[in-house]
Amino acid sequence: MLQARLEHLMSTVRAGPPQFQAVDLRALLNESVELFVKGLPPSGRGISVQAEIETAPPPVRADAGRIMQVLMNLLSNAHQAIATTRQHGNIRLRAEAVDQDGCCWVKVDVSDDGPGIPEVYLDRIFEPFFTTKQGGTGYGLYLASEFLREQGGRLTACNNPAGGACLSIWLPREIDHDRPTRTEGTRS
């Protein structure tokens, strides 16, 4: 367990191409939440951060360190969004298997109960250098989306109907050899 944590942390600072491996998302999400909360100053701990994963999501093949970087960025953004309006709030991580457009995904939602993302910005938040934060670089969400893209995934954003924002990490599931893929069963 300690060795896996060390490898995840070291890979967050590693440059170069992604290091693909089978990733236990339940463990990675719990580890990310734990590390994020430990890094908060005492004044920031009024915002609850929890991974709510009842059943283990299917395995994905990804770079665990880069996924952890993405998670830390999303957790930080959610925390900052809530903290701009109040000292207490909730951030929740959930993971589930999703079949969409003929592909098998594991979707990780990072939801908060902050002010949400103004509709006018939803289509722009993944652009490089776009920011609404004073002193922000506009590089965090762009880099997160690029990390996911290089692993065959994507990052999406929406506002929750009850308020707050939800950013979703989409990662391709490892191939289930009992299930046909998009190209199996077709003849040329």
N, C-alpha and C. Protein backbone atom coordinates (compact mmCIF):
# COMPACT_ATOMS: atom_id res chain seq x y z
N MET A 1 0.83 -1.19 0.00
CA MET A 1 0.00 0.00 0.00
C MET A 1 0.87 1.26 0.00
N LEU A 2 1.85 1.33 0.87
CA LEU A 2 2.74 2.48 0.92
C LEU A 2 3.53 2.61 -0.37
N GLN A 3 3.98 1.48 -0.92
CA GLN A 3 4.73 1.50 -2.18
C GLN A 3 3.85 2.03 -3.31
N ALA A 4 2.59 1.61 -3.36
CA ALA A 4 1.67 2.10 -4.40
C ALA A 4 1.47 3.60 -4.27
N ARG A 5 1.32 4.10 -3.04
CA ARG A 5 1.17 5.54 -2.83
C ARG A 5 2.39 6.30 -3.30
N LEU A 6 3.56 5.79 -2.97
CA LEU A 6 4.79 6.44 -3.38
C LEU A 6 4.88 6.48 -4.91
N GLU A 7 4.54 5.38 -5.56
CA GLU A 7 4.58 5.35 -7.02
C GLU A 7 3.61 6.35 -7.61
N HIS A 8 2.39 6.46 -7.03
CA HIS A 8 1.41 7.42 -7.53
C HIS A 8 1.93 8.85 -7.37
N LEU A 9 2.48 9.15 -6.20
CA LEU A 9 3.00 10.49 -5.96
C LEU A 9 4.16 10.82 -6.88
N MET A 10 5.06 9.88 -7.06
CA MET A 10 6.22 10.13 -7.93
C MET A 10 5.79 10.32 -9.38
N SER A 11 4.79 9.60 -9.80
CA SER A 11 4.37 9.73 -11.19
C SER A 11 3.63 11.04 -11.44
N THR A 12 3.17 11.72 -10.39
CA THR A 12 2.53 13.03 -10.59
C THR A 12 3.55 14.08 -11.00
N VAL A 13 4.81 13.88 -10.69
CA VAL A 13 5.83 14.86 -11.05
C VAL A 13 6.70 14.39 -12.21
N ARG A 14 6.46 13.20 -12.71
CA ARG A 14 7.25 12.64 -13.79
C ARG A 14 6.85 13.29 -15.12
N ALA A 15 7.82 13.61 -15.92
CA ALA A 15 7.56 14.13 -17.26
C ALA A 15 7.60 12.96 -18.24
N GLY A 16 7.23 13.22 -19.46
CA GLY A 16 7.30 12.19 -20.49
C GLY A 16 5.95 11.57 -20.76
N PRO A 17 5.95 10.51 -21.53
CA PRO A 17 4.69 9.87 -21.90
C PRO A 17 4.02 9.20 -20.70
N PRO A 18 2.71 8.98 -20.79
CA PRO A 18 2.01 8.33 -19.69
C PRO A 18 2.54 6.91 -19.45
N GLN A 19 2.50 6.50 -18.19
CA GLN A 19 2.90 5.15 -17.80
C GLN A 19 1.63 4.36 -17.51
N PHE A 20 1.14 3.64 -18.49
CA PHE A 20 -0.12 2.92 -18.36
C PHE A 20 0.04 1.69 -17.49
N GLN A 21 -0.96 1.49 -16.64
CA GLN A 21 -1.02 0.32 -15.77
C GLN A 21 -2.48 0.10 -15.39
N ALA A 22 -2.80 -1.08 -14.89
CA ALA A 22 -4.16 -1.32 -14.39
C ALA A 22 -4.33 -0.47 -13.12
N VAL A 23 -5.40 0.31 -13.07
CA VAL A 23 -5.62 1.22 -11.95
C VAL A 23 -6.88 0.83 -11.20
N ASP A 24 -6.73 0.67 -9.89
CA ASP A 24 -7.85 0.45 -8.99
C ASP A 24 -8.39 1.83 -8.63
N LEU A 25 -9.44 2.26 -9.31
CA LEU A 25 -9.95 3.62 -9.11
C LEU A 25 -10.48 3.85 -7.71
N ARG A 26 -11.09 2.85 -7.12
CA ARG A 26 -11.60 3.03 -5.76
C ARG A 26 -10.45 3.44 -4.83
N ALA A 27 -9.34 2.72 -4.89
CA ALA A 27 -8.20 3.04 -4.04
C ALA A 27 -7.61 4.40 -4.40
N LEU A 28 -7.50 4.70 -5.70
CA LEU A 28 -6.93 5.96 -6.13
C LEU A 28 -7.80 7.14 -5.70
N LEU A 29 -9.11 7.00 -5.80
CA LEU A 29 -10.01 8.08 -5.38
C LEU A 29 -9.92 8.30 -3.88
N ASN A 30 -9.93 7.23 -3.11
CA ASN A 30 -9.82 7.36 -1.65
C ASN A 30 -8.48 7.99 -1.27
N GLU A 31 -7.41 7.55 -1.91
CA GLU A 31 -6.08 8.09 -1.64
C GLU A 31 -6.02 9.58 -1.99
N SER A 32 -6.60 9.96 -3.11
CA SER A 32 -6.58 11.36 -3.53
C SER A 32 -7.34 12.24 -2.54
N VAL A 33 -8.49 11.76 -2.09
CA VAL A 33 -9.27 12.52 -1.11
C VAL A 33 -8.48 12.67 0.18
N GLU A 34 -7.89 11.58 0.64
CA GLU A 34 -7.12 11.62 1.89
C GLU A 34 -5.96 12.61 1.79
N LEU A 35 -5.21 12.56 0.70
CA LEU A 35 -4.08 13.47 0.53
C LEU A 35 -4.55 14.92 0.41
N PHE A 36 -5.63 15.13 -0.31
CA PHE A 36 -6.15 16.49 -0.48
C PHE A 36 -6.57 17.08 0.87
N VAL A 37 -7.32 16.31 1.65
CA VAL A 37 -7.80 16.80 2.94
C VAL A 37 -6.63 17.07 3.89
N LYS A 38 -5.64 16.19 3.88
CA LYS A 38 -4.46 16.40 4.74
C LYS A 38 -3.73 17.68 4.38
N GLY A 39 -3.78 18.09 3.14
CA GLY A 39 -3.09 19.28 2.69
C GLY A 39 -3.85 20.58 2.93
N LEU A 40 -5.09 20.48 3.39
CA LEU A 40 -5.88 21.69 3.63
C LEU A 40 -5.46 22.36 4.93
N PRO A 41 -5.47 23.68 4.94
CA PRO A 41 -5.23 24.35 6.22
C PRO A 41 -6.45 24.12 7.12
N PRO A 42 -6.28 24.23 8.44
CA PRO A 42 -7.41 24.00 9.35
C PRO A 42 -8.64 24.84 9.00
N SER A 43 -8.42 26.04 8.49
CA SER A 43 -9.56 26.90 8.15
C SER A 43 -10.35 26.37 6.95
N GLY A 44 -9.75 25.51 6.14
CA GLY A 44 -10.43 24.98 4.96
C GLY A 44 -11.13 23.66 5.17
N ARG A 45 -11.09 23.16 6.40
CA ARG A 45 -11.63 21.83 6.65
C ARG A 45 -13.12 21.81 6.98
N GLY A 46 -13.77 22.96 6.85
CA GLY A 46 -15.22 22.99 7.03
C GLY A 46 -15.94 22.48 5.79
N ILE A 47 -15.19 22.28 4.73
CA ILE A 47 -15.75 21.75 3.49
C ILE A 47 -15.46 20.26 3.45
N SER A 48 -16.51 19.47 3.49
CA SER A 48 -16.40 18.02 3.51
C SER A 48 -16.01 17.49 2.12
N VAL A 49 -15.04 16.59 2.09
CA VAL A 49 -14.60 15.97 0.84
C VAL A 49 -14.67 14.46 1.04
N GLN A 50 -15.49 13.78 0.23
CA GLN A 50 -15.66 12.33 0.41
C GLN A 50 -15.74 11.62 -0.93
N ALA A 51 -15.17 10.42 -0.94
CA ALA A 51 -15.34 9.51 -2.07
C ALA A 51 -16.48 8.57 -1.69
N GLU A 52 -17.54 8.58 -2.47
CA GLU A 52 -18.71 7.74 -2.19
C GLU A 52 -18.75 6.63 -3.24
N ILE A 53 -18.03 5.55 -2.96
CA ILE A 53 -17.93 4.46 -3.92
C ILE A 53 -18.32 3.17 -3.21
N GLU A 54 -19.56 2.74 -3.43
CA GLU A 54 -20.06 1.55 -2.75
C GLU A 54 -19.53 0.27 -3.39
N THR A 55 -19.55 0.24 -4.70
CA THR A 55 -19.03 -0.95 -5.39
C THR A 55 -17.82 -0.51 -6.22
N ALA A 56 -16.86 -1.38 -6.31
CA ALA A 56 -15.64 -1.05 -7.05
C ALA A 56 -15.96 -0.85 -8.52
N PRO A 57 -15.52 0.27 -9.10
CA PRO A 57 -15.72 0.45 -10.54
C PRO A 57 -14.85 -0.53 -11.31
N PRO A 58 -15.22 -0.82 -12.54
CA PRO A 58 -14.39 -1.72 -13.35
C PRO A 58 -12.98 -1.14 -13.50
N PRO A 59 -12.00 -1.99 -13.75
CA PRO A 59 -10.63 -1.50 -13.90
C PRO A 59 -10.46 -0.68 -15.17
N VAL A 60 -9.53 0.26 -15.09
CA VAL A 60 -9.15 1.05 -16.25
C VAL A 60 -7.64 0.91 -16.41
N ARG A 61 -7.19 1.16 -17.61
CA ARG A 61 -5.75 1.17 -17.88
C ARG A 61 -5.37 2.62 -18.10
N ALA A 62 -4.60 3.17 -17.17
CA ALA A 62 -4.30 4.60 -17.20
C ALA A 62 -3.00 4.87 -16.47
N ASP A 63 -2.60 6.11 -16.46
CA ASP A 63 -1.45 6.57 -15.70
C ASP A 63 -1.99 7.08 -14.37
N ALA A 64 -1.78 6.32 -13.31
CA ALA A 64 -2.35 6.65 -11.99
C ALA A 64 -1.89 8.01 -11.50
N GLY A 65 -0.65 8.35 -11.72
CA GLY A 65 -0.13 9.64 -11.27
C GLY A 65 -0.81 10.81 -11.95
N ARG A 66 -1.03 10.68 -13.24
CA ARG A 66 -1.69 11.76 -13.97
C ARG A 66 -3.17 11.85 -13.60
N ILE A 67 -3.78 10.70 -13.35
CA ILE A 67 -5.18 10.73 -12.90
C ILE A 67 -5.24 11.42 -11.54
N MET A 68 -4.28 11.13 -10.67
CA MET A 68 -4.24 11.78 -9.36
C MET A 68 -4.06 13.30 -9.53
N GLN A 69 -3.22 13.72 -10.45
CA GLN A 69 -3.05 15.15 -10.71
C GLN A 69 -4.37 15.79 -11.12
N VAL A 70 -5.09 15.13 -12.01
CA VAL A 70 -6.38 15.64 -12.46
C VAL A 70 -7.33 15.74 -11.27
N LEU A 71 -7.38 14.70 -10.45
CA LEU A 71 -8.27 14.71 -9.29
C LEU A 71 -7.91 15.84 -8.33
N MET A 72 -6.64 16.03 -8.06
CA MET A 72 -6.21 17.10 -7.15
C MET A 72 -6.61 18.46 -7.70
N ASN A 73 -6.48 18.64 -9.00
CA ASN A 73 -6.88 19.90 -9.62
C ASN A 73 -8.39 20.11 -9.48
N LEU A 74 -9.17 19.07 -9.75
CA LEU A 74 -10.63 19.21 -9.66
C LEU A 74 -11.07 19.44 -8.22
N LEU A 75 -10.44 18.73 -7.27
CA LEU A 75 -10.78 18.94 -5.86
C LEU A 75 -10.44 20.36 -5.42
N SER A 76 -9.28 20.84 -5.85
CA SER A 76 -8.86 22.19 -5.49
C SER A 76 -9.82 23.23 -6.07
N ASN A 77 -10.21 23.07 -7.33
CA ASN A 77 -11.15 24.01 -7.95
C ASN A 77 -12.49 23.99 -7.23
N ALA A 78 -12.98 22.80 -6.90
CA ALA A 78 -14.27 22.69 -6.20
C ALA A 78 -14.19 23.35 -4.83
N HIS A 79 -13.09 23.08 -4.13
CA HIS A 79 -12.90 23.66 -2.80
C HIS A 79 -12.86 25.19 -2.88
N GLN A 80 -12.11 25.72 -3.84
CA GLN A 80 -12.02 27.17 -4.00
C GLN A 80 -13.36 27.78 -4.37
N ALA A 81 -14.13 27.09 -5.20
CA ALA A 81 -15.44 27.61 -5.60
C ALA A 81 -16.36 27.74 -4.39
N ILE A 82 -16.38 26.73 -3.55
CA ILE A 82 -17.22 26.78 -2.35
C ILE A 82 -16.72 27.86 -1.40
N ALA A 83 -15.40 27.90 -1.19
CA ALA A 83 -14.81 28.83 -0.23
C ALA A 83 -15.02 30.29 -0.62
N THR A 84 -15.29 30.57 -1.89
CA THR A 84 -15.54 31.96 -2.28
C THR A 84 -16.87 32.47 -1.75
N THR A 85 -17.77 31.55 -1.40
CA THR A 85 -19.10 31.98 -0.95
C THR A 85 -19.40 31.63 0.51
N ARG A 86 -18.72 30.62 1.06
CA ARG A 86 -19.00 30.23 2.44
C ARG A 86 -17.89 29.32 2.97
N GLN A 87 -17.92 29.04 4.28
CA GLN A 87 -16.88 28.22 4.91
C GLN A 87 -17.23 26.74 4.99
N HIS A 88 -18.47 26.39 4.71
CA HIS A 88 -18.89 24.99 4.79
C HIS A 88 -19.52 24.57 3.46
N GLY A 89 -19.34 23.32 3.12
CA GLY A 89 -19.90 22.79 1.89
C GLY A 89 -19.51 21.35 1.72
N ASN A 90 -19.83 20.80 0.56
CA ASN A 90 -19.58 19.39 0.29
C ASN A 90 -19.02 19.17 -1.10
N ILE A 91 -18.02 18.30 -1.16
CA ILE A 91 -17.48 17.82 -2.43
C ILE A 91 -17.58 16.31 -2.39
N ARG A 92 -18.13 15.72 -3.43
CA ARG A 92 -18.32 14.27 -3.49
C ARG A 92 -17.72 13.71 -4.76
N LEU A 93 -17.04 12.57 -4.62
CA LEU A 93 -16.53 11.83 -5.76
C LEU A 93 -17.35 10.55 -5.89
N ARG A 94 -17.78 10.27 -7.08
CA ARG A 94 -18.52 9.03 -7.36
C ARG A 94 -17.96 8.43 -8.65
N ALA A 95 -17.95 7.11 -8.72
CA ALA A 95 -17.48 6.43 -9.93
C ALA A 95 -18.51 5.39 -10.34
N GLU A 96 -18.70 5.26 -11.65
CA GLU A 96 -19.64 4.27 -12.15
C GLU A 96 -19.25 3.84 -13.56
N ALA A 97 -19.66 2.66 -13.92
CA ALA A 97 -19.46 2.16 -15.28
C ALA A 97 -20.59 2.73 -16.14
N VAL A 98 -20.23 3.19 -17.34
CA VAL A 98 -21.20 3.80 -18.24
C VAL A 98 -20.94 3.29 -19.65
N ASP A 99 -21.99 2.89 -20.34
CA ASP A 99 -21.90 2.55 -21.76
C ASP A 99 -22.51 3.71 -22.52
N GLN A 100 -21.71 4.33 -23.38
CA GLN A 100 -22.19 5.48 -24.13
C GLN A 100 -21.57 5.48 -25.51
N ASP A 101 -22.39 5.70 -26.51
CA ASP A 101 -21.93 5.79 -27.90
C ASP A 101 -21.11 4.57 -28.32
N GLY A 102 -21.50 3.39 -27.87
CA GLY A 102 -20.81 2.17 -28.24
C GLY A 102 -19.49 1.95 -27.51
N CYS A 103 -19.18 2.77 -26.52
CA CYS A 103 -17.94 2.64 -25.76
C CYS A 103 -18.24 2.32 -24.30
N CYS A 104 -17.31 1.65 -23.67
CA CYS A 104 -17.44 1.29 -22.26
C CYS A 104 -16.51 2.19 -21.46
N TRP A 105 -17.08 2.96 -20.54
CA TRP A 105 -16.34 3.96 -19.79
C TRP A 105 -16.47 3.72 -18.30
N VAL A 106 -15.54 4.29 -17.55
CA VAL A 106 -15.73 4.50 -16.12
C VAL A 106 -15.75 6.01 -15.98
N LYS A 107 -16.84 6.51 -15.39
CA LYS A 107 -17.01 7.95 -15.21
C LYS A 107 -16.84 8.28 -13.74
N VAL A 108 -15.98 9.24 -13.45
CA VAL A 108 -15.75 9.71 -12.09
C VAL A 108 -16.28 11.13 -12.02
N ASP A 109 -17.30 11.34 -11.19
CA ASP A 109 -17.87 12.68 -11.00
C ASP A 109 -17.26 13.32 -9.78
N VAL A 110 -16.84 14.57 -9.93
CA VAL A 110 -16.40 15.40 -8.81
C VAL A 110 -17.42 16.52 -8.74
N SER A 111 -18.34 16.40 -7.76
CA SER A 111 -19.45 17.34 -7.62
C SER A 111 -19.27 18.18 -6.37
N ASP A 112 -19.69 19.44 -6.47
CA ASP A 112 -19.65 20.31 -5.30
C ASP A 112 -20.98 21.04 -5.18
N ASP A 113 -21.19 21.65 -4.03
CA ASP A 113 -22.40 22.43 -3.82
C ASP A 113 -22.10 23.93 -3.76
N GLY A 114 -21.09 24.32 -4.53
CA GLY A 114 -20.71 25.73 -4.62
C GLY A 114 -21.63 26.50 -5.55
N PRO A 115 -21.16 27.63 -6.05
CA PRO A 115 -22.02 28.49 -6.87
C PRO A 115 -22.25 27.97 -8.30
N GLY A 116 -21.52 26.96 -8.72
CA GLY A 116 -21.66 26.45 -10.08
C GLY A 116 -20.82 27.26 -11.05
N ILE A 117 -20.89 26.88 -12.31
CA ILE A 117 -20.13 27.54 -13.37
C ILE A 117 -21.11 28.37 -14.18
N PRO A 118 -20.88 29.67 -14.32
CA PRO A 118 -21.79 30.46 -15.15
C PRO A 118 -21.93 29.82 -16.54
N GLU A 119 -23.17 29.72 -17.00
CA GLU A 119 -23.45 29.06 -18.28
C GLU A 119 -22.60 29.61 -19.43
N VAL A 120 -22.34 30.89 -19.40
CA VAL A 120 -21.58 31.53 -20.47
C VAL A 120 -20.15 31.00 -20.53
N TYR A 121 -19.64 30.42 -19.43
CA TYR A 121 -18.26 29.92 -19.39
C TYR A 121 -18.15 28.42 -19.59
N LEU A 122 -19.25 27.69 -19.53
CA LEU A 122 -19.18 26.22 -19.60
C LEU A 122 -18.44 25.72 -20.84
N ASP A 123 -18.61 26.37 -21.96
CA ASP A 123 -17.96 25.92 -23.19
C ASP A 123 -16.50 26.36 -23.29
N ARG A 124 -16.04 27.20 -22.35
CA ARG A 124 -14.70 27.76 -22.46
C ARG A 124 -13.73 27.27 -21.39
N ILE A 125 -14.20 26.62 -20.35
CA ILE A 125 -13.34 26.35 -19.19
C ILE A 125 -12.16 25.42 -19.49
N PHE A 126 -12.20 24.69 -20.59
CA PHE A 126 -11.08 23.81 -20.93
C PHE A 126 -10.12 24.44 -21.93
N GLU A 127 -10.36 25.69 -22.29
CA GLU A 127 -9.45 26.39 -23.20
C GLU A 127 -8.19 26.80 -22.44
N PRO A 128 -7.03 26.73 -23.10
CA PRO A 128 -5.82 27.17 -22.41
C PRO A 128 -5.88 28.67 -22.11
N PHE A 129 -5.45 29.03 -20.92
CA PHE A 129 -5.35 30.40 -20.44
C PHE A 129 -6.69 31.08 -20.15
N PHE A 130 -7.79 30.35 -20.23
CA PHE A 130 -9.08 30.94 -19.86
C PHE A 130 -9.25 30.77 -18.36
N THR A 131 -9.51 31.86 -17.66
CA THR A 131 -9.73 31.79 -16.23
C THR A 131 -10.70 32.89 -15.79
N THR A 132 -11.41 32.61 -14.73
CA THR A 132 -12.26 33.63 -14.11
C THR A 132 -11.72 33.96 -12.72
N LYS A 133 -10.65 33.29 -12.32
CA LYS A 133 -10.05 33.51 -10.99
C LYS A 133 -9.02 34.62 -11.06
N GLN A 134 -9.11 35.52 -10.09
CA GLN A 134 -8.07 36.55 -10.02
C GLN A 134 -6.75 35.86 -9.67
N GLY A 135 -5.74 36.08 -10.47
CA GLY A 135 -4.44 35.45 -10.25
C GLY A 135 -4.35 34.04 -10.81
N GLY A 136 -5.42 33.54 -11.43
CA GLY A 136 -5.40 32.20 -12.02
C GLY A 136 -4.63 32.19 -13.33
N THR A 137 -4.14 31.02 -13.70
CA THR A 137 -3.37 30.90 -14.94
C THR A 137 -4.23 30.43 -16.11
N GLY A 138 -5.36 29.80 -15.81
CA GLY A 138 -6.18 29.25 -16.88
C GLY A 138 -5.56 28.02 -17.51
N TYR A 139 -4.67 27.38 -16.79
CA TYR A 139 -3.98 26.23 -17.34
C TYR A 139 -4.40 24.92 -16.69
N GLY A 140 -4.98 24.96 -15.49
CA GLY A 140 -5.30 23.75 -14.74
C GLY A 140 -6.28 22.82 -15.44
N LEU A 141 -7.44 23.33 -15.82
CA LEU A 141 -8.44 22.47 -16.46
C LEU A 141 -8.01 22.07 -17.87
N TYR A 142 -7.32 22.96 -18.54
CA TYR A 142 -6.80 22.62 -19.86
C TYR A 142 -5.83 21.44 -19.74
N LEU A 143 -4.88 21.54 -18.82
CA LEU A 143 -3.90 20.47 -18.63
C LEU A 143 -4.58 19.17 -18.20
N ALA A 144 -5.56 19.28 -17.30
CA ALA A 144 -6.30 18.08 -16.87
C ALA A 144 -6.98 17.41 -18.06
N SER A 145 -7.61 18.21 -18.92
CA SER A 145 -8.29 17.61 -20.08
C SER A 145 -7.29 16.99 -21.04
N GLU A 146 -6.10 17.60 -21.18
CA GLU A 146 -5.07 17.03 -22.04
C GLU A 146 -4.53 15.71 -21.48
N PHE A 147 -4.32 15.65 -20.16
CA PHE A 147 -3.87 14.40 -19.53
C PHE A 147 -4.86 13.28 -19.82
N LEU A 148 -6.14 13.58 -19.73
CA LEU A 148 -7.15 12.55 -19.99
C LEU A 148 -7.21 12.19 -21.46
N ARG A 149 -7.10 13.17 -22.33
CA ARG A 149 -7.14 12.91 -23.77
C ARG A 149 -6.01 11.98 -24.19
N GLU A 150 -4.79 12.17 -23.62
CA GLU A 150 -3.66 11.33 -24.00
C GLU A 150 -3.85 9.89 -23.51
N GLN A 151 -4.82 9.68 -22.63
CA GLN A 151 -5.10 8.33 -22.12
C GLN A 151 -6.40 7.76 -22.70
N GLY A 152 -6.92 8.42 -23.73
CA GLY A 152 -8.13 7.94 -24.38
C GLY A 152 -9.40 8.37 -23.66
N GLY A 153 -9.28 9.29 -22.72
CA GLY A 153 -10.44 9.75 -21.95
C GLY A 153 -10.82 11.17 -22.30
N ARG A 154 -11.65 11.74 -21.45
CA ARG A 154 -12.06 13.12 -21.64
C ARG A 154 -12.54 13.70 -20.31
N LEU A 155 -12.72 15.01 -20.30
CA LEU A 155 -13.20 15.73 -19.13
C LEU A 155 -14.39 16.56 -19.57
N THR A 156 -15.49 16.47 -18.84
CA THR A 156 -16.68 17.25 -19.17
C THR A 156 -17.13 18.01 -17.92
N ALA A 157 -17.96 19.02 -18.15
CA ALA A 157 -18.45 19.83 -17.03
C ALA A 157 -19.92 20.17 -17.24
N CYS A 158 -20.63 20.27 -16.13
CA CYS A 158 -22.02 20.72 -16.15
C CYS A 158 -22.34 21.29 -14.77
N ASN A 159 -23.49 21.91 -14.67
CA ASN A 159 -23.97 22.37 -13.37
C ASN A 159 -24.99 21.38 -12.86
N ASN A 160 -24.96 21.14 -11.55
CA ASN A 160 -25.92 20.24 -10.91
C ASN A 160 -27.29 20.93 -10.85
N PRO A 161 -28.36 20.20 -11.06
CA PRO A 161 -29.70 20.81 -10.97
C PRO A 161 -29.96 21.47 -9.61
N ALA A 162 -29.41 20.91 -8.54
CA ALA A 162 -29.64 21.45 -7.20
C ALA A 162 -28.63 22.55 -6.84
N GLY A 163 -27.73 22.86 -7.76
CA GLY A 163 -26.70 23.86 -7.51
C GLY A 163 -25.33 23.24 -7.45
N GLY A 164 -24.32 24.03 -7.73
CA GLY A 164 -22.94 23.54 -7.74
C GLY A 164 -22.57 23.01 -9.11
N ALA A 165 -21.33 22.58 -9.21
CA ALA A 165 -20.79 22.09 -10.48
C ALA A 165 -20.45 20.62 -10.37
N CYS A 166 -20.37 19.97 -11.52
CA CYS A 166 -19.92 18.59 -11.60
C CYS A 166 -18.97 18.48 -12.78
N LEU A 167 -17.73 18.10 -12.48
CA LEU A 167 -16.76 17.81 -13.53
C LEU A 167 -16.59 16.30 -13.58
N SER A 168 -16.64 15.75 -14.77
CA SER A 168 -16.62 14.29 -14.93
C SER A 168 -15.41 13.85 -15.73
N ILE A 169 -14.68 12.90 -15.13
CA ILE A 169 -13.55 12.26 -15.77
C ILE A 169 -14.10 11.00 -16.45
N TRP A 170 -13.84 10.85 -17.73
CA TRP A 170 -14.26 9.67 -18.48
C TRP A 170 -13.01 8.90 -18.90
N LEU A 171 -12.90 7.66 -18.43
CA LEU A 171 -11.77 6.81 -18.79
C LEU A 171 -12.28 5.53 -19.43
N PRO A 172 -11.63 5.06 -20.51
CA PRO A 172 -12.08 3.81 -21.12
C PRO A 172 -11.81 2.64 -20.18
N ARG A 173 -12.81 1.77 -20.10
CA ARG A 173 -12.62 0.54 -19.30
C ARG A 173 -11.64 -0.36 -20.01
N GLU A 174 -11.01 -1.22 -19.20
CA GLU A 174 -10.18 -2.26 -19.81
C GLU A 174 -11.11 -3.13 -20.63
N ILE A 175 -10.60 -3.66 -21.72
CA ILE A 175 -11.43 -4.47 -22.62
C ILE A 175 -11.88 -5.73 -21.92
N ASP A 176 -13.18 -5.95 -21.98
CA ASP A 176 -13.77 -7.18 -21.47
C ASP A 176 -13.83 -8.13 -22.66
N HIS A 177 -13.06 -9.18 -22.63
CA HIS A 177 -12.94 -10.06 -23.78
C HIS A 177 -14.20 -10.87 -24.06
N ASP A 178 -15.15 -10.89 -23.13
CA ASP A 178 -16.41 -11.57 -23.37
C ASP A 178 -17.41 -10.66 -24.06
N ARG A 179 -17.10 -9.40 -24.15
CA ARG A 179 -18.03 -8.43 -24.72
C ARG A 179 -17.47 -7.94 -26.05
N PRO A 180 -18.28 -7.87 -27.10
CA PRO A 180 -17.76 -7.40 -28.39
C PRO A 180 -17.38 -5.93 -28.32
N THR A 181 -16.31 -5.56 -29.02
CA THR A 181 -15.92 -4.17 -29.10
C THR A 181 -16.62 -3.54 -30.29
N ARG A 182 -16.38 -2.28 -30.54
CA ARG A 182 -17.07 -1.59 -31.64
C ARG A 182 -16.76 -2.21 -32.99
N THR A 183 -15.59 -2.80 -33.19
CA THR A 183 -15.24 -3.30 -34.52
C THR A 183 -15.51 -4.80 -34.66
N GLU A 184 -15.73 -5.50 -33.55
CA GLU A 184 -16.00 -6.93 -33.67
C GLU A 184 -17.38 -7.13 -34.28
N GLY A 185 -17.51 -8.14 -35.06
CA GLY A 185 -18.78 -8.49 -35.64
C GLY A 185 -19.09 -7.74 -36.94
N THR A 186 -18.21 -6.86 -37.36
CA THR A 186 -18.41 -6.17 -38.62
C THR A 186 -17.46 -6.75 -39.64
N ARG A 187 -17.90 -6.80 -40.84
CA ARG A 187 -17.07 -7.35 -41.92
C ARG A 187 -16.85 -6.26 -42.98
N SER A 188 -15.65 -6.27 -43.55
CA SER A 188 -15.39 -5.29 -44.60
C SER A 188 -15.50 -5.91 -45.95
